[in-house]
N, C-alpha and C. Protein backbone atom coordinates (compact mmCIF):
# COMPACT_ATOMS: atom_id res chain seq x y z
N PRO A 1 -48.88 17.58 7.87
CA PRO A 1 -48.12 17.16 8.90
C PRO A 1 -48.40 18.69 9.66
N ARG A 2 -47.80 18.27 11.09
CA ARG A 2 -48.28 19.07 11.64
C ARG A 2 -46.70 19.79 12.12
N ASP A 3 -47.15 21.66 12.04
CA ASP A 3 -46.13 21.86 12.04
C ASP A 3 -45.48 22.02 13.59
N ARG A 4 -44.29 21.63 13.70
CA ARG A 4 -43.72 21.25 15.03
C ARG A 4 -42.99 22.51 15.95
N SER A 5 -43.26 23.78 15.07
CA SER A 5 -41.69 24.65 15.50
C SER A 5 -42.75 25.39 16.35
N ILE A 6 -44.25 25.61 16.46
CA ILE A 6 -44.65 26.10 17.61
C ILE A 6 -44.68 25.32 18.51
N GLY A 7 -43.94 26.35 19.92
CA GLY A 7 -44.05 25.80 20.77
C GLY A 7 -43.40 24.48 21.62
N ILE A 8 -42.39 24.19 20.37
CA ILE A 8 -41.22 23.41 20.79
C ILE A 8 -39.75 24.19 20.76
N ILE A 9 -39.15 23.86 21.96
CA ILE A 9 -37.85 24.03 22.13
C ILE A 9 -36.78 23.38 20.63
N PRO A 10 -35.81 24.20 20.47
CA PRO A 10 -35.26 23.76 19.15
C PRO A 10 -34.78 23.09 19.41
N ASN A 11 -34.31 21.63 18.86
CA ASN A 11 -33.16 20.62 19.35
C ASN A 11 -31.78 21.12 19.60
N SER A 12 -31.29 22.26 18.44
CA SER A 12 -30.15 23.00 18.67
C SER A 12 -29.59 23.68 19.56
N VAL A 13 -30.46 23.69 20.89
CA VAL A 13 -30.23 24.66 22.12
C VAL A 13 -30.69 23.03 23.37
N SER A 14 -29.51 22.62 23.67
CA SER A 14 -29.76 21.63 24.65
C SER A 14 -29.81 21.97 26.21
N THR A 15 -30.10 21.63 26.78
CA THR A 15 -30.31 21.80 28.18
C THR A 15 -28.77 22.14 28.53
N LYS A 16 -27.87 21.47 28.16
CA LYS A 16 -26.45 21.99 29.11
C LYS A 16 -26.18 23.22 28.45
N ASP A 17 -26.52 23.39 26.66
CA ASP A 17 -26.19 24.47 26.16
C ASP A 17 -27.06 25.59 26.92
N LYS A 18 -27.82 25.79 27.02
CA LYS A 18 -29.01 26.65 27.54
C LYS A 18 -28.37 26.59 29.47
N PHE A 19 -27.82 26.19 30.01
CA PHE A 19 -27.12 26.04 31.37
C PHE A 19 -26.01 26.97 31.43
N SER A 20 -25.16 26.56 30.23
CA SER A 20 -23.97 27.00 30.19
C SER A 20 -24.07 28.32 29.69
N GLU A 21 -24.80 28.71 29.31
CA GLU A 21 -25.48 30.68 29.02
C GLU A 21 -25.99 31.48 29.71
N LEU A 22 -26.72 31.08 30.76
CA LEU A 22 -27.17 31.40 31.55
C LEU A 22 -26.42 31.30 32.82
N VAL A 23 -25.31 30.35 33.51
CA VAL A 23 -24.17 30.65 34.37
C VAL A 23 -23.41 31.55 33.70
N LYS A 24 -22.84 31.62 32.33
CA LYS A 24 -22.11 33.06 31.91
C LYS A 24 -22.96 34.14 32.46
N LYS A 25 -23.92 34.48 31.85
CA LYS A 25 -24.95 35.73 32.02
C LYS A 25 -24.40 36.23 33.52
N TRP A 26 -25.15 34.79 34.66
CA TRP A 26 -25.34 35.11 36.07
C TRP A 26 -23.85 35.34 36.64
N GLN A 27 -22.68 34.97 36.44
CA GLN A 27 -21.48 35.14 36.61
C GLN A 27 -21.08 36.28 36.20
N LYS A 28 -21.33 37.17 35.05
CA LYS A 28 -20.92 38.14 34.78
C LYS A 28 -21.30 39.12 35.16
N GLU A 29 -22.74 39.01 35.36
CA GLU A 29 -23.70 40.20 35.89
C GLU A 29 -23.73 40.67 37.43
N THR A 30 -22.95 39.15 38.27
CA THR A 30 -23.41 39.03 39.22
C THR A 30 -21.87 38.94 40.24
N SER A 31 -20.70 39.14 39.60
CA SER A 31 -19.62 38.62 39.99
C SER A 31 -19.23 39.52 41.11
N MET A 32 -19.39 40.74 41.08
CA MET A 32 -18.74 42.22 41.72
C MET A 32 -19.59 42.49 43.31
N SER A 33 -20.90 41.04 42.95
CA SER A 33 -21.65 41.45 44.11
C SER A 33 -21.46 40.76 45.46
N SER A 34 -21.08 40.97 46.45
CA SER A 34 -20.65 40.72 47.79
C SER A 34 -22.25 39.91 48.39
N VAL A 35 -23.35 40.49 48.01
CA VAL A 35 -24.80 40.10 48.65
C VAL A 35 -25.01 38.80 47.72
N THR A 36 -24.90 37.77 48.41
CA THR A 36 -25.39 36.76 48.28
C THR A 36 -26.99 36.58 47.28
N ILE A 37 -27.44 37.22 48.61
CA ILE A 37 -29.53 37.25 47.89
C ILE A 37 -29.57 37.93 46.84
N ARG A 38 -28.76 38.94 46.13
CA ARG A 38 -28.47 39.48 44.97
C ARG A 38 -28.48 38.87 43.85
N ARG A 39 -27.09 37.59 44.27
CA ARG A 39 -26.87 36.82 43.18
C ARG A 39 -28.02 35.80 43.12
N TYR A 40 -28.82 35.31 44.41
CA TYR A 40 -29.77 34.63 44.22
C TYR A 40 -31.02 34.96 43.56
N ALA A 41 -31.17 36.02 43.45
CA ALA A 41 -32.67 36.75 42.80
C ALA A 41 -31.92 37.21 41.18
N HIS A 42 -31.00 37.06 41.10
CA HIS A 42 -30.89 37.28 39.88
C HIS A 42 -31.43 36.51 38.52
N PRO A 43 -32.24 37.26 37.26
CA PRO A 43 -32.87 36.22 36.14
C PRO A 43 -32.39 34.68 35.70
N ALA A 44 -31.17 35.03 35.46
CA ALA A 44 -30.28 34.02 34.88
C ALA A 44 -30.45 32.82 36.35
N TYR A 45 -30.21 33.07 37.48
CA TYR A 45 -30.28 32.24 38.41
C TYR A 45 -31.60 31.35 38.56
N GLN A 46 -32.54 32.55 38.41
CA GLN A 46 -34.04 31.92 38.41
C GLN A 46 -34.48 31.36 37.31
N GLU A 47 -33.87 31.69 36.20
CA GLU A 47 -34.06 30.65 34.86
C GLU A 47 -33.49 29.22 35.31
N ILE A 48 -32.45 28.98 36.08
CA ILE A 48 -31.73 27.91 35.84
C ILE A 48 -32.56 27.07 36.81
N LEU A 49 -33.01 27.85 38.06
CA LEU A 49 -33.67 27.45 39.21
C LEU A 49 -35.41 26.43 38.41
N LEU A 50 -35.77 27.16 37.51
CA LEU A 50 -37.10 26.92 36.77
C LEU A 50 -36.31 25.41 35.85
N MET A 51 -35.12 25.16 35.23
CA MET A 51 -35.08 23.91 34.82
C MET A 51 -35.11 22.84 35.83
N ARG A 52 -35.03 23.22 37.04
CA ARG A 52 -35.56 22.11 38.17
C ARG A 52 -34.50 20.60 38.10
N GLU A 53 -34.98 19.35 37.97
CA GLU A 53 -33.92 18.21 38.10
C GLU A 53 -32.77 18.14 37.05
N GLU A 54 -33.17 19.24 35.54
CA GLU A 54 -32.33 18.68 34.77
C GLU A 54 -30.83 19.34 34.95
N ALA A 55 -31.29 20.32 35.77
CA ALA A 55 -29.77 21.38 36.24
C ALA A 55 -28.94 20.78 37.17
N VAL A 56 -29.48 19.85 37.84
CA VAL A 56 -29.26 19.33 39.21
C VAL A 56 -27.32 18.72 38.74
N PRO A 57 -27.49 17.89 37.73
CA PRO A 57 -26.21 17.23 37.55
C PRO A 57 -25.39 18.84 36.67
N LEU A 58 -25.52 19.57 36.42
CA LEU A 58 -24.63 20.04 35.82
C LEU A 58 -24.20 21.30 36.62
N MET A 59 -25.47 21.97 37.97
CA MET A 59 -24.80 22.61 39.15
C MET A 59 -23.55 21.77 39.33
N LEU A 60 -23.74 20.28 39.82
CA LEU A 60 -22.95 19.59 40.59
C LEU A 60 -21.95 19.11 39.63
N GLY A 61 -21.86 19.11 38.55
CA GLY A 61 -20.50 19.46 37.49
C GLY A 61 -19.61 20.91 37.67
N GLU A 62 -20.68 22.18 37.53
CA GLU A 62 -20.32 23.23 37.77
C GLU A 62 -19.56 23.68 39.35
N LEU A 63 -19.90 22.78 40.16
CA LEU A 63 -19.43 22.35 41.90
C LEU A 63 -18.12 22.15 41.50
N GLN A 64 -17.31 20.69 40.97
CA GLN A 64 -16.53 20.38 40.44
C GLN A 64 -15.65 21.29 40.03
N THR A 65 -15.75 21.57 38.79
CA THR A 65 -14.57 22.37 37.81
C THR A 65 -14.68 24.13 38.18
N ASN A 66 -15.87 24.51 38.80
CA ASN A 66 -15.66 26.21 38.62
C ASN A 66 -16.83 26.74 39.91
N PRO A 67 -15.92 26.10 41.43
CA PRO A 67 -17.16 26.47 42.42
C PRO A 67 -17.82 27.77 42.59
N ASP A 68 -19.23 27.83 42.79
CA ASP A 68 -19.85 28.86 42.70
C ASP A 68 -21.20 28.65 44.02
N ARG A 69 -21.83 29.89 44.03
CA ARG A 69 -22.85 29.86 45.03
C ARG A 69 -24.29 28.66 44.51
N TRP A 70 -24.23 27.57 44.35
CA TRP A 70 -25.28 26.59 43.66
C TRP A 70 -26.17 25.89 45.11
N PHE A 71 -25.68 25.95 46.38
CA PHE A 71 -26.20 25.66 47.52
C PHE A 71 -27.71 25.64 47.53
N MET A 72 -28.31 26.93 47.22
CA MET A 72 -30.24 27.00 47.54
C MET A 72 -30.30 26.48 46.38
N ALA A 73 -29.97 26.82 45.45
CA ALA A 73 -30.38 25.95 43.96
C ALA A 73 -30.86 24.37 44.36
N LEU A 74 -29.55 23.61 44.45
CA LEU A 74 -29.68 22.53 44.66
C LEU A 74 -30.58 22.17 45.74
N GLN A 75 -30.74 22.80 47.61
CA GLN A 75 -31.44 22.36 48.29
C GLN A 75 -32.55 22.25 48.05
N LEU A 76 -32.79 23.30 47.08
CA LEU A 76 -34.43 24.08 46.91
C LEU A 76 -35.08 22.65 45.84
N ILE A 77 -34.12 22.46 44.85
CA ILE A 77 -34.60 21.18 43.89
C ILE A 77 -34.74 19.62 44.30
N THR A 78 -33.75 19.60 45.10
CA THR A 78 -33.54 17.72 45.68
C THR A 78 -33.95 17.76 46.64
N LYS A 79 -34.50 18.89 47.78
CA LYS A 79 -34.94 18.62 48.92
C LYS A 79 -34.13 18.09 50.12
N ALA A 80 -32.62 17.89 49.36
CA ALA A 80 -31.57 17.29 50.36
C ALA A 80 -30.61 18.71 51.06
N ASN A 81 -29.75 17.94 51.95
CA ASN A 81 -29.41 19.21 52.18
C ASN A 81 -27.76 18.52 52.96
N PRO A 82 -26.68 18.32 52.31
CA PRO A 82 -25.87 17.24 52.66
C PRO A 82 -25.08 18.03 53.73
N VAL A 83 -24.72 19.70 53.51
CA VAL A 83 -23.75 20.65 54.26
C VAL A 83 -24.35 20.27 55.97
N PRO A 84 -23.14 19.94 56.58
CA PRO A 84 -22.97 20.21 57.88
C PRO A 84 -23.14 21.74 58.57
N ALA A 85 -23.58 21.74 59.53
CA ALA A 85 -24.00 23.47 59.85
C ALA A 85 -22.77 24.03 60.48
N GLY A 86 -22.33 25.36 60.08
CA GLY A 86 -21.16 25.56 60.10
C GLY A 86 -20.21 25.31 58.98
N ALA A 87 -20.42 24.63 58.14
CA ALA A 87 -19.59 24.59 56.86
C ALA A 87 -18.84 25.54 56.25
N SER A 88 -17.58 25.40 55.88
CA SER A 88 -16.99 26.88 55.09
C SER A 88 -17.58 26.41 53.17
N PHE A 89 -17.22 27.62 52.20
CA PHE A 89 -17.63 27.22 51.53
C PHE A 89 -17.35 26.02 50.97
N ASN A 90 -15.97 25.50 50.95
CA ASN A 90 -15.06 24.30 50.45
C ASN A 90 -16.04 22.92 50.94
N GLN A 91 -16.14 23.39 52.09
CA GLN A 91 -16.97 22.20 52.42
C GLN A 91 -18.33 21.77 51.95
N ALA A 92 -19.14 22.71 52.02
CA ALA A 92 -20.05 22.47 51.09
C ALA A 92 -19.85 21.95 49.85
N VAL A 93 -19.13 22.99 48.95
CA VAL A 93 -19.10 22.31 47.87
C VAL A 93 -18.50 20.87 48.10
N GLU A 94 -17.40 20.42 49.09
CA GLU A 94 -17.18 18.90 48.71
C GLU A 94 -18.53 18.38 49.24
N ALA A 95 -19.33 18.61 50.25
CA ALA A 95 -20.43 17.55 50.71
C ALA A 95 -21.39 17.34 49.87
N TRP A 96 -21.71 18.54 48.48
CA TRP A 96 -22.50 18.31 47.65
C TRP A 96 -21.76 17.46 46.66
N VAL A 97 -20.79 17.81 46.36
CA VAL A 97 -20.03 16.84 45.45
C VAL A 97 -20.18 15.39 45.59
N ASN A 98 -19.84 15.14 47.19
CA ASN A 98 -20.19 13.68 47.60
C ASN A 98 -21.56 13.15 47.30
N TRP A 99 -22.44 14.18 47.84
CA TRP A 99 -23.38 13.88 47.57
C TRP A 99 -24.12 13.35 46.26
N GLY A 100 -24.05 14.28 45.36
CA GLY A 100 -23.82 13.87 43.83
C GLY A 100 -23.03 12.52 43.54
N LYS A 101 -22.22 11.93 44.03
CA LYS A 101 -21.47 11.06 43.58
C LYS A 101 -22.41 9.66 43.82
N GLN A 102 -22.83 9.62 45.89
CA GLN A 102 -23.74 8.79 46.30
C GLN A 102 -24.60 8.43 45.18
N VAL A 103 -25.45 9.66 45.07
CA VAL A 103 -26.92 9.30 44.11
C VAL A 103 -26.58 9.26 42.78
N GLY A 104 -25.33 9.32 41.98
CA GLY A 104 -25.60 8.81 40.83
C GLY A 104 -25.95 10.22 40.09
N HIS A 105 -25.71 11.33 40.58
CA HIS A 105 -25.92 12.53 39.77
C HIS A 105 -24.44 12.90 38.88
N ILE A 106 -23.54 12.67 39.97
CA ILE A 106 -22.17 12.97 38.61
C ILE A 106 -21.54 11.62 39.28
N THR A 107 -20.34 11.71 38.31
CA THR A 107 -19.16 10.80 38.71
C THR A 107 -17.97 10.55 39.13
């Protein structure tokens, strides 16, 4: 039998677990930064971006329970932008959550 341990992500590390760990690291290391671009440039945020579509429902879930700056990542991955111009942070959260429900990413 072929050795499946080479180049295979262990089943013990789920996408949700990986996402959660990256979110914790990103928030811990950038929570004191008021400069949004620094938060977006953080390696953990960039790694979440690399998760692509798999991360979308997880980001939307985060917006429902612990809102943070997921807007750029969501827009880049989904190519959508349901947020009206001039919207506040809370309005942007609401727009993305509603969008996620409409397209079936979250309930």
